[in-house]
Amino acid sequence: MHIFGDEWLHHADKIQSSWEKTITQDDLILLPGDLSWAMKDKEANKDLSFIAKLPGTKILLRGNHDYWWGTRSKVEKMAGKTCYVLQNNAIEMPDFVIVGTRGWTVPGTPSFTEEDNAIFSREIERLRLSLQEGAKYQKKMLAMMHFPPALSTDQPSAFTDLLEEYGVSACVYGHLHGRSHQYRLEGTIRTIKYQLVSADFLSFVPLEITSFLHE
């Protein structure tokens, strides 16, 4: 990970230290992708075991570097009992519902290709499935994505349109590291609060996000 900057040196130690200082077994933790550099599922077991042993209940989402990722049931089995997997579904919590999808590069991005468009279209449908499932619970919805859902505050996308259509309250996402932090989508835009939660952006300290749902 240090290819993204020296702040990533010994990042696992930083994550574990701050996690154990701030998170208890009663907490829910959202992990929006890029969980392991592994290429195959067996290679990812060490990283998933590291996550599983940390306090709290975790919700895992696929990132663009999670090449080892398989079906939802397979990832759930790999991750263990302390983890849920968000993939074409919604996860109900006592006060709100977690929805979302990995996302992808959005139209308007430089070098956007036909291949990108095909993946983007599939991710839109996956987000729609999650939102439709989440809406059944009639609770506030918090979205988790890996990619930022739009290029900027004045350039909405099909992702942000869907989030607004279904009345999502807030959306957290990762993907952006180092100098790319400057391209983040942040703050309340129209009806939704957006927050970048990449580990290096947060200095490897977990961010408390439930307050977003009550603003």
N, C-alpha and C. Protein backbone atom coordinates (compact mmCIF):
# COMPACT_ATOMS: atom_id res chain seq x y z
N MET A 1 0.81 -1.22 0.00
CA MET A 1 0.00 0.00 0.00
C MET A 1 0.84 1.27 0.00
N HIS A 2 2.13 1.16 0.34
CA HIS A 2 2.95 2.36 0.41
C HIS A 2 3.18 3.00 -0.96
N ILE A 3 2.73 2.36 -2.04
CA ILE A 3 2.78 3.01 -3.36
C ILE A 3 1.87 4.24 -3.37
N PHE A 4 0.93 4.31 -2.42
CA PHE A 4 0.03 5.46 -2.31
C PHE A 4 0.58 6.54 -1.37
N GLY A 5 1.79 6.32 -0.81
CA GLY A 5 2.38 7.32 0.07
C GLY A 5 2.99 6.68 1.30
N ASP A 6 3.96 7.37 1.89
CA ASP A 6 4.66 6.82 3.05
C ASP A 6 3.75 6.62 4.26
N GLU A 7 2.62 7.34 4.28
CA GLU A 7 1.70 7.18 5.42
C GLU A 7 1.15 5.76 5.50
N TRP A 8 1.29 5.00 4.40
CA TRP A 8 0.78 3.63 4.40
C TRP A 8 1.78 2.62 4.97
N LEU A 9 3.01 3.06 5.28
CA LEU A 9 3.96 2.15 5.90
C LEU A 9 3.42 1.67 7.25
N HIS A 10 3.44 0.35 7.46
CA HIS A 10 2.94 -0.28 8.70
C HIS A 10 1.47 0.06 8.93
N HIS A 11 0.72 0.15 7.84
CA HIS A 11 -0.68 0.59 7.96
C HIS A 11 -1.52 -0.39 8.77
N ALA A 12 -1.23 -1.68 8.70
CA ALA A 12 -2.02 -2.65 9.47
C ALA A 12 -1.88 -2.40 10.97
N ASP A 13 -0.67 -2.08 11.40
CA ASP A 13 -0.45 -1.77 12.82
C ASP A 13 -1.22 -0.52 13.23
N LYS A 14 -1.23 0.49 12.35
CA LYS A 14 -1.95 1.73 12.64
C LYS A 14 -3.45 1.47 12.75
N ILE A 15 -3.96 0.67 11.82
CA ILE A 15 -5.39 0.35 11.83
C ILE A 15 -5.77 -0.40 13.09
N GLN A 16 -4.99 -1.43 13.42
CA GLN A 16 -5.30 -2.22 14.61
C GLN A 16 -5.25 -1.39 15.88
N SER A 17 -4.24 -0.55 16.00
CA SER A 17 -4.08 0.26 17.21
C SER A 17 -5.25 1.22 17.40
N SER A 18 -5.60 1.97 16.36
CA SER A 18 -6.68 2.95 16.49
C SER A 18 -8.04 2.26 16.59
N TRP A 19 -8.20 1.13 15.91
CA TRP A 19 -9.45 0.36 15.98
C TRP A 19 -9.71 -0.09 17.41
N GLU A 20 -8.70 -0.69 18.02
CA GLU A 20 -8.88 -1.24 19.36
C GLU A 20 -9.06 -0.16 20.41
N LYS A 21 -8.63 1.06 20.12
CA LYS A 21 -8.81 2.17 21.05
C LYS A 21 -10.21 2.78 20.97
N THR A 22 -10.86 2.66 19.81
CA THR A 22 -12.11 3.39 19.59
C THR A 22 -13.34 2.52 19.38
N ILE A 23 -13.16 1.24 19.09
CA ILE A 23 -14.27 0.38 18.71
C ILE A 23 -14.46 -0.74 19.73
N THR A 24 -15.72 -1.01 20.07
CA THR A 24 -16.05 -2.09 20.99
C THR A 24 -16.77 -3.21 20.25
N GLN A 25 -17.04 -4.29 20.96
CA GLN A 25 -17.74 -5.42 20.35
C GLN A 25 -19.17 -5.04 19.95
N ASP A 26 -19.72 -3.99 20.53
CA ASP A 26 -21.09 -3.58 20.23
C ASP A 26 -21.19 -2.67 19.01
N ASP A 27 -20.08 -2.27 18.45
CA ASP A 27 -20.08 -1.32 17.32
C ASP A 27 -20.23 -2.04 15.98
N LEU A 28 -20.75 -1.27 15.02
CA LEU A 28 -20.86 -1.72 13.63
C LEU A 28 -19.84 -0.95 12.81
N ILE A 29 -19.07 -1.65 11.99
CA ILE A 29 -18.01 -1.01 11.21
C ILE A 29 -18.23 -1.27 9.72
N LEU A 30 -18.19 -0.21 8.93
CA LEU A 30 -18.35 -0.31 7.48
C LEU A 30 -16.97 -0.30 6.83
N LEU A 31 -16.71 -1.28 5.98
CA LEU A 31 -15.43 -1.39 5.29
C LEU A 31 -15.68 -1.39 3.78
N PRO A 32 -15.56 -0.21 3.15
CA PRO A 32 -15.97 -0.06 1.74
C PRO A 32 -14.93 -0.45 0.70
N GLY A 33 -14.36 -1.64 0.85
CA GLY A 33 -13.58 -2.21 -0.24
C GLY A 33 -12.09 -2.05 -0.16
N ASP A 34 -11.41 -2.77 -1.10
CA ASP A 34 -9.96 -2.91 -1.13
C ASP A 34 -9.47 -3.45 0.20
N LEU A 35 -9.95 -4.64 0.51
CA LEU A 35 -9.68 -5.28 1.80
C LEU A 35 -8.41 -6.12 1.78
N SER A 36 -8.00 -6.56 0.57
CA SER A 36 -6.82 -7.42 0.46
C SER A 36 -6.22 -7.28 -0.94
N TRP A 37 -4.89 -7.31 -1.00
CA TRP A 37 -4.19 -7.29 -2.29
C TRP A 37 -4.20 -8.67 -2.94
N ALA A 38 -4.72 -9.67 -2.28
CA ALA A 38 -4.69 -11.04 -2.79
C ALA A 38 -5.35 -11.15 -4.16
N MET A 39 -4.85 -12.07 -4.95
CA MET A 39 -5.44 -12.34 -6.26
C MET A 39 -6.42 -13.52 -6.19
N LYS A 40 -6.18 -14.44 -5.24
CA LYS A 40 -7.02 -15.62 -5.10
C LYS A 40 -7.58 -15.69 -3.69
N ASP A 41 -8.72 -16.38 -3.55
CA ASP A 41 -9.40 -16.40 -2.26
C ASP A 41 -8.54 -16.97 -1.14
N LYS A 42 -7.77 -18.01 -1.41
CA LYS A 42 -6.95 -18.60 -0.36
C LYS A 42 -5.90 -17.61 0.14
N GLU A 43 -5.44 -16.75 -0.76
CA GLU A 43 -4.43 -15.76 -0.39
C GLU A 43 -5.03 -14.65 0.48
N ALA A 44 -6.35 -14.46 0.39
CA ALA A 44 -7.02 -13.40 1.14
C ALA A 44 -7.37 -13.81 2.56
N ASN A 45 -7.25 -15.09 2.88
CA ASN A 45 -7.68 -15.57 4.20
C ASN A 45 -6.95 -14.88 5.34
N LYS A 46 -5.67 -14.59 5.18
CA LYS A 46 -4.90 -13.95 6.24
C LYS A 46 -5.45 -12.56 6.54
N ASP A 47 -5.77 -11.80 5.49
CA ASP A 47 -6.31 -10.45 5.69
C ASP A 47 -7.71 -10.49 6.28
N LEU A 48 -8.53 -11.42 5.84
CA LEU A 48 -9.88 -11.53 6.37
C LEU A 48 -9.86 -11.99 7.83
N SER A 49 -8.92 -12.84 8.16
CA SER A 49 -8.78 -13.29 9.54
C SER A 49 -8.38 -12.10 10.44
N PHE A 50 -7.51 -11.23 9.94
CA PHE A 50 -7.10 -10.03 10.66
C PHE A 50 -8.32 -9.16 10.96
N ILE A 51 -9.18 -8.98 9.95
CA ILE A 51 -10.38 -8.16 10.11
C ILE A 51 -11.35 -8.84 11.09
N ALA A 52 -11.54 -10.13 10.93
CA ALA A 52 -12.52 -10.86 11.74
C ALA A 52 -12.19 -10.80 13.23
N LYS A 53 -10.91 -10.78 13.57
CA LYS A 53 -10.50 -10.81 14.97
C LYS A 53 -10.62 -9.45 15.65
N LEU A 54 -10.77 -8.38 14.88
CA LEU A 54 -10.91 -7.05 15.47
C LEU A 54 -12.31 -6.90 16.08
N PRO A 55 -12.47 -6.06 17.08
CA PRO A 55 -13.77 -5.91 17.75
C PRO A 55 -14.87 -5.43 16.80
N GLY A 56 -16.10 -5.78 17.12
CA GLY A 56 -17.25 -5.26 16.40
C GLY A 56 -17.77 -6.15 15.29
N THR A 57 -18.92 -5.75 14.77
CA THR A 57 -19.53 -6.40 13.62
C THR A 57 -19.17 -5.60 12.38
N LYS A 58 -18.71 -6.28 11.33
CA LYS A 58 -18.24 -5.57 10.14
C LYS A 58 -19.12 -5.87 8.93
N ILE A 59 -19.29 -4.86 8.10
CA ILE A 59 -19.97 -5.04 6.82
C ILE A 59 -18.94 -4.81 5.73
N LEU A 60 -18.73 -5.82 4.90
CA LEU A 60 -17.70 -5.79 3.87
C LEU A 60 -18.30 -5.50 2.50
N LEU A 61 -17.59 -4.70 1.73
CA LEU A 61 -17.98 -4.37 0.36
C LEU A 61 -16.77 -4.60 -0.54
N ARG A 62 -17.01 -4.99 -1.75
CA ARG A 62 -15.92 -5.24 -2.69
C ARG A 62 -15.35 -3.94 -3.24
N GLY A 63 -14.02 -3.86 -3.31
CA GLY A 63 -13.34 -2.76 -3.97
C GLY A 63 -12.77 -3.19 -5.31
N ASN A 64 -12.24 -2.27 -6.08
CA ASN A 64 -11.73 -2.63 -7.41
C ASN A 64 -10.46 -3.46 -7.35
N HIS A 65 -9.77 -3.51 -6.20
CA HIS A 65 -8.56 -4.33 -6.07
C HIS A 65 -8.83 -5.67 -5.39
N ASP A 66 -10.07 -5.93 -5.03
CA ASP A 66 -10.39 -7.21 -4.38
C ASP A 66 -10.64 -8.29 -5.45
N TYR A 67 -9.57 -8.67 -6.14
CA TYR A 67 -9.69 -9.63 -7.24
C TYR A 67 -10.04 -11.03 -6.74
N TRP A 68 -9.80 -11.31 -5.48
CA TRP A 68 -10.08 -12.60 -4.88
C TRP A 68 -11.56 -12.81 -4.61
N TRP A 69 -12.33 -11.74 -4.66
CA TRP A 69 -13.74 -11.75 -4.25
C TRP A 69 -14.56 -12.71 -5.11
N GLY A 70 -15.44 -13.48 -4.46
CA GLY A 70 -16.30 -14.41 -5.18
C GLY A 70 -17.77 -14.12 -4.96
N THR A 71 -18.58 -15.14 -4.84
CA THR A 71 -19.99 -14.94 -4.56
C THR A 71 -20.17 -14.45 -3.12
N ARG A 72 -21.34 -13.88 -2.84
CA ARG A 72 -21.60 -13.38 -1.49
C ARG A 72 -21.48 -14.50 -0.47
N SER A 73 -22.05 -15.66 -0.75
CA SER A 73 -22.01 -16.75 0.22
C SER A 73 -20.57 -17.23 0.46
N LYS A 74 -19.76 -17.22 -0.60
CA LYS A 74 -18.38 -17.66 -0.45
C LYS A 74 -17.58 -16.67 0.39
N VAL A 75 -17.78 -15.38 0.16
CA VAL A 75 -17.06 -14.37 0.94
C VAL A 75 -17.52 -14.39 2.39
N GLU A 76 -18.82 -14.59 2.61
CA GLU A 76 -19.34 -14.68 3.99
C GLU A 76 -18.69 -15.85 4.73
N LYS A 77 -18.53 -16.95 4.05
CA LYS A 77 -17.91 -18.12 4.67
C LYS A 77 -16.45 -17.84 5.00
N MET A 78 -15.76 -17.17 4.08
CA MET A 78 -14.36 -16.83 4.30
C MET A 78 -14.19 -15.84 5.45
N ALA A 79 -15.11 -14.86 5.52
CA ALA A 79 -14.97 -13.76 6.48
C ALA A 79 -15.33 -14.16 7.91
N GLY A 80 -16.23 -15.10 8.07
CA GLY A 80 -16.57 -15.56 9.40
C GLY A 80 -17.78 -14.87 10.01
N LYS A 81 -18.09 -15.24 11.22
CA LYS A 81 -19.34 -14.84 11.87
C LYS A 81 -19.41 -13.37 12.26
N THR A 82 -18.29 -12.68 12.33
CA THR A 82 -18.33 -11.28 12.74
C THR A 82 -18.55 -10.33 11.56
N CYS A 83 -18.73 -10.90 10.37
CA CYS A 83 -18.83 -10.05 9.16
C CYS A 83 -20.10 -10.35 8.36
N TYR A 84 -20.67 -9.29 7.77
CA TYR A 84 -21.71 -9.40 6.76
C TYR A 84 -21.13 -8.93 5.44
N VAL A 85 -21.73 -9.35 4.35
CA VAL A 85 -21.27 -8.95 3.02
C VAL A 85 -22.38 -8.22 2.30
N LEU A 86 -22.07 -7.03 1.79
CA LEU A 86 -23.03 -6.21 1.05
C LEU A 86 -22.80 -6.42 -0.44
N GLN A 87 -23.73 -7.12 -1.08
CA GLN A 87 -23.61 -7.42 -2.51
C GLN A 87 -24.98 -7.80 -3.06
N ASN A 88 -25.60 -6.85 -3.75
CA ASN A 88 -26.94 -7.05 -4.32
C ASN A 88 -27.99 -7.26 -3.24
N ASN A 89 -27.75 -6.73 -2.06
CA ASN A 89 -28.68 -6.94 -0.94
C ASN A 89 -28.70 -5.69 -0.06
N ALA A 90 -29.42 -5.76 1.02
CA ALA A 90 -29.45 -4.70 2.02
C ALA A 90 -29.33 -5.37 3.38
N ILE A 91 -28.72 -4.67 4.33
CA ILE A 91 -28.48 -5.25 5.65
C ILE A 91 -29.17 -4.39 6.70
N GLU A 92 -30.15 -4.96 7.37
CA GLU A 92 -30.93 -4.21 8.34
C GLU A 92 -30.23 -4.14 9.69
N MET A 93 -30.17 -2.93 10.22
CA MET A 93 -29.70 -2.68 11.57
C MET A 93 -30.90 -2.17 12.39
N PRO A 94 -30.78 -2.07 13.71
CA PRO A 94 -31.94 -1.65 14.51
C PRO A 94 -32.53 -0.31 14.10
N ASP A 95 -31.69 0.67 13.77
CA ASP A 95 -32.19 2.02 13.50
C ASP A 95 -32.11 2.44 12.04
N PHE A 96 -31.43 1.67 11.21
CA PHE A 96 -31.27 2.05 9.81
C PHE A 96 -30.91 0.82 8.98
N VAL A 97 -30.79 1.02 7.68
CA VAL A 97 -30.47 -0.07 6.75
C VAL A 97 -29.24 0.32 5.94
N ILE A 98 -28.32 -0.63 5.76
CA ILE A 98 -27.13 -0.40 4.93
C ILE A 98 -27.42 -0.92 3.53
N VAL A 99 -27.22 -0.06 2.54
CA VAL A 99 -27.39 -0.42 1.13
C VAL A 99 -26.11 -0.02 0.39
N GLY A 100 -26.00 -0.44 -0.87
CA GLY A 100 -24.86 0.03 -1.64
C GLY A 100 -24.33 -0.98 -2.63
N THR A 101 -23.27 -0.58 -3.31
CA THR A 101 -22.58 -1.41 -4.28
C THR A 101 -21.18 -0.86 -4.47
N ARG A 102 -20.33 -1.62 -5.16
CA ARG A 102 -18.96 -1.17 -5.39
C ARG A 102 -18.91 0.14 -6.16
N GLY A 103 -19.76 0.28 -7.18
CA GLY A 103 -19.68 1.43 -8.06
C GLY A 103 -18.58 1.27 -9.09
N TRP A 104 -18.33 2.34 -9.83
CA TRP A 104 -17.29 2.30 -10.86
C TRP A 104 -16.99 3.72 -11.33
N THR A 105 -16.01 3.84 -12.19
CA THR A 105 -15.74 5.12 -12.85
C THR A 105 -17.01 5.61 -13.53
N VAL A 106 -17.32 6.89 -13.39
CA VAL A 106 -18.58 7.41 -13.93
C VAL A 106 -18.35 8.10 -15.27
N PRO A 107 -19.37 8.15 -16.12
CA PRO A 107 -19.27 8.87 -17.39
C PRO A 107 -18.84 10.32 -17.16
N GLY A 108 -17.98 10.81 -18.04
CA GLY A 108 -17.44 12.15 -17.88
C GLY A 108 -16.02 12.13 -17.36
N THR A 109 -15.61 10.99 -16.79
CA THR A 109 -14.24 10.83 -16.34
C THR A 109 -13.32 10.74 -17.56
N PRO A 110 -12.16 11.42 -17.56
CA PRO A 110 -11.23 11.29 -18.68
C PRO A 110 -10.88 9.83 -18.95
N SER A 111 -10.80 9.48 -20.20
CA SER A 111 -10.46 8.12 -20.64
C SER A 111 -11.54 7.09 -20.32
N PHE A 112 -12.77 7.55 -20.07
CA PHE A 112 -13.89 6.63 -19.86
C PHE A 112 -14.12 5.83 -21.15
N THR A 113 -14.16 4.50 -21.04
CA THR A 113 -14.22 3.63 -22.20
C THR A 113 -15.56 2.89 -22.29
N GLU A 114 -15.76 2.20 -23.40
CA GLU A 114 -16.95 1.37 -23.55
C GLU A 114 -16.97 0.25 -22.51
N GLU A 115 -15.79 -0.27 -22.20
CA GLU A 115 -15.70 -1.30 -21.16
C GLU A 115 -16.12 -0.72 -19.81
N ASP A 116 -15.67 0.49 -19.51
CA ASP A 116 -16.10 1.16 -18.28
C ASP A 116 -17.61 1.33 -18.26
N ASN A 117 -18.18 1.69 -19.40
CA ASN A 117 -19.62 1.91 -19.47
C ASN A 117 -20.40 0.63 -19.17
N ALA A 118 -19.89 -0.49 -19.66
CA ALA A 118 -20.56 -1.78 -19.41
C ALA A 118 -20.55 -2.11 -17.91
N ILE A 119 -19.41 -1.90 -17.26
CA ILE A 119 -19.31 -2.18 -15.82
C ILE A 119 -20.16 -1.18 -15.04
N PHE A 120 -20.10 0.07 -15.44
CA PHE A 120 -20.91 1.12 -14.81
C PHE A 120 -22.39 0.75 -14.85
N SER A 121 -22.87 0.30 -15.99
CA SER A 121 -24.28 -0.07 -16.15
C SER A 121 -24.66 -1.23 -15.24
N ARG A 122 -23.76 -2.21 -15.12
CA ARG A 122 -24.03 -3.35 -14.23
C ARG A 122 -24.09 -2.90 -12.77
N GLU A 123 -23.19 -1.98 -12.40
CA GLU A 123 -23.17 -1.50 -11.03
C GLU A 123 -24.42 -0.68 -10.70
N ILE A 124 -24.95 0.02 -11.68
CA ILE A 124 -26.20 0.75 -11.48
C ILE A 124 -27.32 -0.22 -11.12
N GLU A 125 -27.39 -1.32 -11.83
CA GLU A 125 -28.44 -2.31 -11.56
C GLU A 125 -28.22 -2.97 -10.20
N ARG A 126 -26.98 -3.19 -9.82
CA ARG A 126 -26.71 -3.77 -8.51
C ARG A 126 -27.11 -2.81 -7.39
N LEU A 127 -26.86 -1.53 -7.61
CA LEU A 127 -27.29 -0.55 -6.62
C LEU A 127 -28.82 -0.51 -6.55
N ARG A 128 -29.48 -0.60 -7.69
CA ARG A 128 -30.94 -0.58 -7.70
C ARG A 128 -31.49 -1.77 -6.91
N LEU A 129 -30.90 -2.95 -7.09
CA LEU A 129 -31.34 -4.13 -6.35
C LEU A 129 -31.20 -3.91 -4.84
N SER A 130 -30.08 -3.34 -4.44
CA SER A 130 -29.84 -3.08 -3.02
C SER A 130 -30.84 -2.07 -2.47
N LEU A 131 -31.09 -1.01 -3.22
CA LEU A 131 -32.04 0.02 -2.77
C LEU A 131 -33.46 -0.51 -2.69
N GLN A 132 -33.85 -1.32 -3.66
CA GLN A 132 -35.18 -1.91 -3.64
C GLN A 132 -35.36 -2.80 -2.41
N GLU A 133 -34.32 -3.55 -2.08
CA GLU A 133 -34.37 -4.41 -0.89
C GLU A 133 -34.41 -3.55 0.37
N GLY A 134 -33.57 -2.52 0.41
CA GLY A 134 -33.50 -1.66 1.58
C GLY A 134 -34.80 -0.91 1.84
N ALA A 135 -35.48 -0.50 0.77
CA ALA A 135 -36.72 0.27 0.92
C ALA A 135 -37.82 -0.53 1.61
N LYS A 136 -37.74 -1.85 1.55
CA LYS A 136 -38.76 -2.69 2.16
C LYS A 136 -38.81 -2.53 3.68
N TYR A 137 -37.70 -2.14 4.28
CA TYR A 137 -37.64 -2.05 5.74
C TYR A 137 -38.22 -0.75 6.28
N GLN A 138 -38.43 0.21 5.40
CA GLN A 138 -39.02 1.51 5.78
C GLN A 138 -38.25 2.16 6.94
N LYS A 139 -36.94 2.16 6.81
CA LYS A 139 -36.05 2.83 7.76
C LYS A 139 -35.12 3.76 6.99
N LYS A 140 -34.42 4.63 7.71
CA LYS A 140 -33.42 5.45 7.05
C LYS A 140 -32.37 4.55 6.41
N MET A 141 -31.87 4.98 5.25
CA MET A 141 -30.88 4.18 4.55
C MET A 141 -29.54 4.91 4.49
N LEU A 142 -28.48 4.17 4.80
CA LEU A 142 -27.11 4.64 4.69
C LEU A 142 -26.45 3.84 3.59
N ALA A 143 -25.92 4.52 2.57
CA ALA A 143 -25.29 3.83 1.44
C ALA A 143 -23.79 3.74 1.64
N MET A 144 -23.24 2.61 1.24
CA MET A 144 -21.79 2.42 1.22
C MET A 144 -21.38 2.02 -0.19
N MET A 145 -20.40 2.73 -0.74
CA MET A 145 -19.86 2.42 -2.05
C MET A 145 -18.34 2.39 -1.95
N HIS A 146 -17.70 1.82 -2.95
CA HIS A 146 -16.24 1.90 -2.97
C HIS A 146 -15.80 3.14 -3.75
N PHE A 147 -16.27 3.26 -4.97
CA PHE A 147 -15.96 4.43 -5.79
C PHE A 147 -16.80 5.64 -5.36
N PRO A 148 -16.28 6.85 -5.51
CA PRO A 148 -17.14 8.02 -5.31
C PRO A 148 -18.28 7.97 -6.31
N PRO A 149 -19.50 8.29 -5.91
CA PRO A 149 -20.66 8.11 -6.78
C PRO A 149 -20.83 9.15 -7.87
N ALA A 150 -20.02 10.20 -7.86
CA ALA A 150 -20.10 11.24 -8.89
C ALA A 150 -18.76 11.95 -8.99
N LEU A 151 -18.56 12.68 -10.08
CA LEU A 151 -17.31 13.39 -10.29
C LEU A 151 -17.18 14.62 -9.39
N SER A 152 -18.27 15.34 -9.21
CA SER A 152 -18.22 16.57 -8.43
C SER A 152 -19.64 16.94 -8.00
N THR A 153 -19.73 17.98 -7.19
CA THR A 153 -21.03 18.40 -6.69
C THR A 153 -21.97 18.86 -7.79
N ASP A 154 -21.42 19.39 -8.88
CA ASP A 154 -22.26 19.89 -9.96
C ASP A 154 -22.34 18.93 -11.14
N GLN A 155 -21.87 17.68 -10.96
CA GLN A 155 -21.96 16.68 -12.01
C GLN A 155 -22.57 15.40 -11.45
N PRO A 156 -23.89 15.38 -11.25
CA PRO A 156 -24.54 14.17 -10.73
C PRO A 156 -24.39 13.01 -11.72
N SER A 157 -24.60 11.82 -11.22
CA SER A 157 -24.50 10.63 -12.05
C SER A 157 -25.74 9.77 -11.84
N ALA A 158 -25.81 8.67 -12.57
CA ALA A 158 -26.92 7.74 -12.36
C ALA A 158 -26.89 7.16 -10.94
N PHE A 159 -25.69 7.07 -10.35
CA PHE A 159 -25.59 6.61 -8.97
C PHE A 159 -26.27 7.59 -8.02
N THR A 160 -25.91 8.87 -8.12
CA THR A 160 -26.49 9.86 -7.20
C THR A 160 -27.98 10.03 -7.46
N ASP A 161 -28.38 9.91 -8.72
CA ASP A 161 -29.82 9.99 -9.04
C ASP A 161 -30.59 8.89 -8.32
N LEU A 162 -30.05 7.67 -8.34
CA LEU A 162 -30.72 6.55 -7.66
C LEU A 162 -30.75 6.74 -6.15
N LEU A 163 -29.64 7.17 -5.59
CA LEU A 163 -29.59 7.39 -4.14
C LEU A 163 -30.64 8.42 -3.72
N GLU A 164 -30.80 9.45 -4.52
CA GLU A 164 -31.80 10.47 -4.21
C GLU A 164 -33.21 9.95 -4.41
N GLU A 165 -33.41 9.18 -5.47
CA GLU A 165 -34.74 8.64 -5.76
C GLU A 165 -35.26 7.79 -4.60
N TYR A 166 -34.38 7.05 -3.97
CA TYR A 166 -34.79 6.15 -2.89
C TYR A 166 -34.66 6.79 -1.50
N GLY A 167 -34.31 8.07 -1.46
CA GLY A 167 -34.30 8.78 -0.19
C GLY A 167 -33.19 8.40 0.75
N VAL A 168 -32.04 8.01 0.22
CA VAL A 168 -30.89 7.68 1.06
C VAL A 168 -30.45 8.92 1.84
N SER A 169 -30.10 8.73 3.11
CA SER A 169 -29.72 9.85 3.97
C SER A 169 -28.25 10.24 3.82
N ALA A 170 -27.38 9.25 3.69
CA ALA A 170 -25.94 9.54 3.64
C ALA A 170 -25.25 8.45 2.83
N CYS A 171 -24.07 8.79 2.31
CA CYS A 171 -23.29 7.84 1.51
C CYS A 171 -21.82 7.98 1.87
N VAL A 172 -21.19 6.87 2.26
CA VAL A 172 -19.76 6.85 2.52
C VAL A 172 -19.08 6.03 1.43
N TYR A 173 -17.84 6.38 1.12
CA TYR A 173 -17.12 5.69 0.05
C TYR A 173 -15.62 5.80 0.30
N GLY A 174 -14.83 5.00 -0.42
CA GLY A 174 -13.38 5.01 -0.28
C GLY A 174 -12.69 5.32 -1.60
N HIS A 175 -11.77 4.46 -2.00
CA HIS A 175 -11.10 4.46 -3.30
C HIS A 175 -10.05 5.56 -3.49
N LEU A 176 -10.28 6.75 -3.02
CA LEU A 176 -9.37 7.87 -3.27
C LEU A 176 -8.25 7.89 -2.23
N HIS A 177 -7.00 7.94 -2.72
CA HIS A 177 -5.85 7.94 -1.83
C HIS A 177 -4.87 9.04 -2.22
N GLY A 178 -4.10 9.49 -1.23
CA GLY A 178 -3.05 10.46 -1.50
C GLY A 178 -3.56 11.72 -2.17
N ARG A 179 -2.94 12.09 -3.25
CA ARG A 179 -3.31 13.32 -3.96
C ARG A 179 -4.74 13.30 -4.50
N SER A 180 -5.28 12.09 -4.67
CA SER A 180 -6.65 11.97 -5.20
C SER A 180 -7.70 12.45 -4.20
N HIS A 181 -7.32 12.66 -2.95
CA HIS A 181 -8.28 13.18 -1.96
C HIS A 181 -8.90 14.50 -2.42
N GLN A 182 -8.15 15.26 -3.21
CA GLN A 182 -8.65 16.56 -3.65
C GLN A 182 -9.89 16.44 -4.54
N TYR A 183 -10.14 15.25 -5.08
CA TYR A 183 -11.28 15.05 -5.97
C TYR A 183 -12.49 14.47 -5.24
N ARG A 184 -12.46 14.53 -3.94
CA ARG A 184 -13.54 13.90 -3.16
C ARG A 184 -14.86 14.66 -3.29
N LEU A 185 -15.91 13.90 -3.14
CA LEU A 185 -17.28 14.42 -3.07
C LEU A 185 -17.64 14.46 -1.60
N GLU A 186 -17.90 15.64 -1.06
CA GLU A 186 -18.05 15.73 0.39
C GLU A 186 -19.07 16.80 0.78
N GLY A 187 -19.75 16.55 1.89
CA GLY A 187 -20.75 17.48 2.38
C GLY A 187 -22.14 17.11 1.89
N THR A 188 -23.12 17.91 2.25
CA THR A 188 -24.50 17.65 1.85
C THR A 188 -24.74 18.22 0.45
N ILE A 189 -25.11 17.34 -0.45
CA ILE A 189 -25.38 17.73 -1.84
C ILE A 189 -26.82 17.33 -2.15
N ARG A 190 -27.63 18.36 -2.44
CA ARG A 190 -29.07 18.18 -2.55
C ARG A 190 -29.60 17.55 -1.25
N THR A 191 -29.92 16.29 -1.21
CA THR A 191 -30.54 15.73 0.00
C THR A 191 -29.66 14.73 0.74
N ILE A 192 -28.44 14.50 0.24
CA ILE A 192 -27.61 13.41 0.78
C ILE A 192 -26.27 13.94 1.28
N LYS A 193 -25.83 13.43 2.43
CA LYS A 193 -24.51 13.78 2.95
C LYS A 193 -23.50 12.75 2.46
N TYR A 194 -22.40 13.22 1.84
CA TYR A 194 -21.36 12.35 1.31
C TYR A 194 -20.09 12.51 2.15
N GLN A 195 -19.40 11.38 2.36
CA GLN A 195 -18.19 11.41 3.17
C GLN A 195 -17.17 10.40 2.64
N LEU A 196 -15.97 10.89 2.32
CA LEU A 196 -14.85 10.01 1.98
C LEU A 196 -14.31 9.39 3.26
N VAL A 197 -14.13 8.06 3.25
CA VAL A 197 -13.65 7.38 4.46
C VAL A 197 -12.44 6.48 4.16
N SER A 198 -11.66 6.81 3.13
CA SER A 198 -10.43 6.06 2.89
C SER A 198 -9.56 6.11 4.14
N ALA A 199 -8.87 5.01 4.42
CA ALA A 199 -8.10 4.92 5.66
C ALA A 199 -7.07 6.03 5.78
N ASP A 200 -6.37 6.33 4.69
CA ASP A 200 -5.34 7.37 4.79
C ASP A 200 -5.96 8.77 4.92
N PHE A 201 -7.16 8.97 4.37
CA PHE A 201 -7.83 10.26 4.53
C PHE A 201 -8.20 10.50 5.98
N LEU A 202 -8.53 9.42 6.68
CA LEU A 202 -8.92 9.50 8.10
C LEU A 202 -7.73 9.30 9.04
N SER A 203 -6.52 9.25 8.48
CA SER A 203 -5.31 9.00 9.28
C SER A 203 -5.43 7.69 10.05
N PHE A 204 -6.14 6.73 9.45
CA PHE A 204 -6.28 5.38 9.98
C PHE A 204 -7.06 5.33 11.29
N VAL A 205 -7.86 6.36 11.54
CA VAL A 205 -8.69 6.41 12.75
C VAL A 205 -10.15 6.27 12.34
N PRO A 206 -10.90 5.30 12.85
CA PRO A 206 -12.31 5.12 12.47
C PRO A 206 -13.13 6.38 12.68
N LEU A 207 -14.03 6.64 11.75
CA LEU A 207 -14.91 7.81 11.82
C LEU A 207 -16.29 7.39 12.27
N GLU A 208 -16.84 8.05 13.27
CA GLU A 208 -18.20 7.76 13.75
C GLU A 208 -19.18 8.41 12.78
N ILE A 209 -20.05 7.58 12.20
CA ILE A 209 -20.88 8.10 11.09
C ILE A 209 -22.38 8.09 11.37
N THR A 210 -22.83 7.48 12.44
CA THR A 210 -24.28 7.40 12.65
C THR A 210 -24.91 8.77 12.85
N SER A 211 -24.11 9.74 13.30
CA SER A 211 -24.66 11.09 13.48
C SER A 211 -25.12 11.67 12.15
N PHE A 212 -24.58 11.19 11.03
CA PHE A 212 -24.99 11.66 9.71
C PHE A 212 -26.48 11.45 9.49
N LEU A 213 -27.00 10.37 10.06
CA LEU A 213 -28.38 10.00 9.82
C LEU A 213 -29.36 10.87 10.60
N HIS A 214 -28.86 11.69 11.50
CA HIS A 214 -29.73 12.49 12.35
C HIS A 214 -29.61 14.00 12.09
N GLU A 215 -28.84 14.35 11.04
CA GLU A 215 -28.66 15.77 10.72
C GLU A 215 -29.83 16.29 9.90
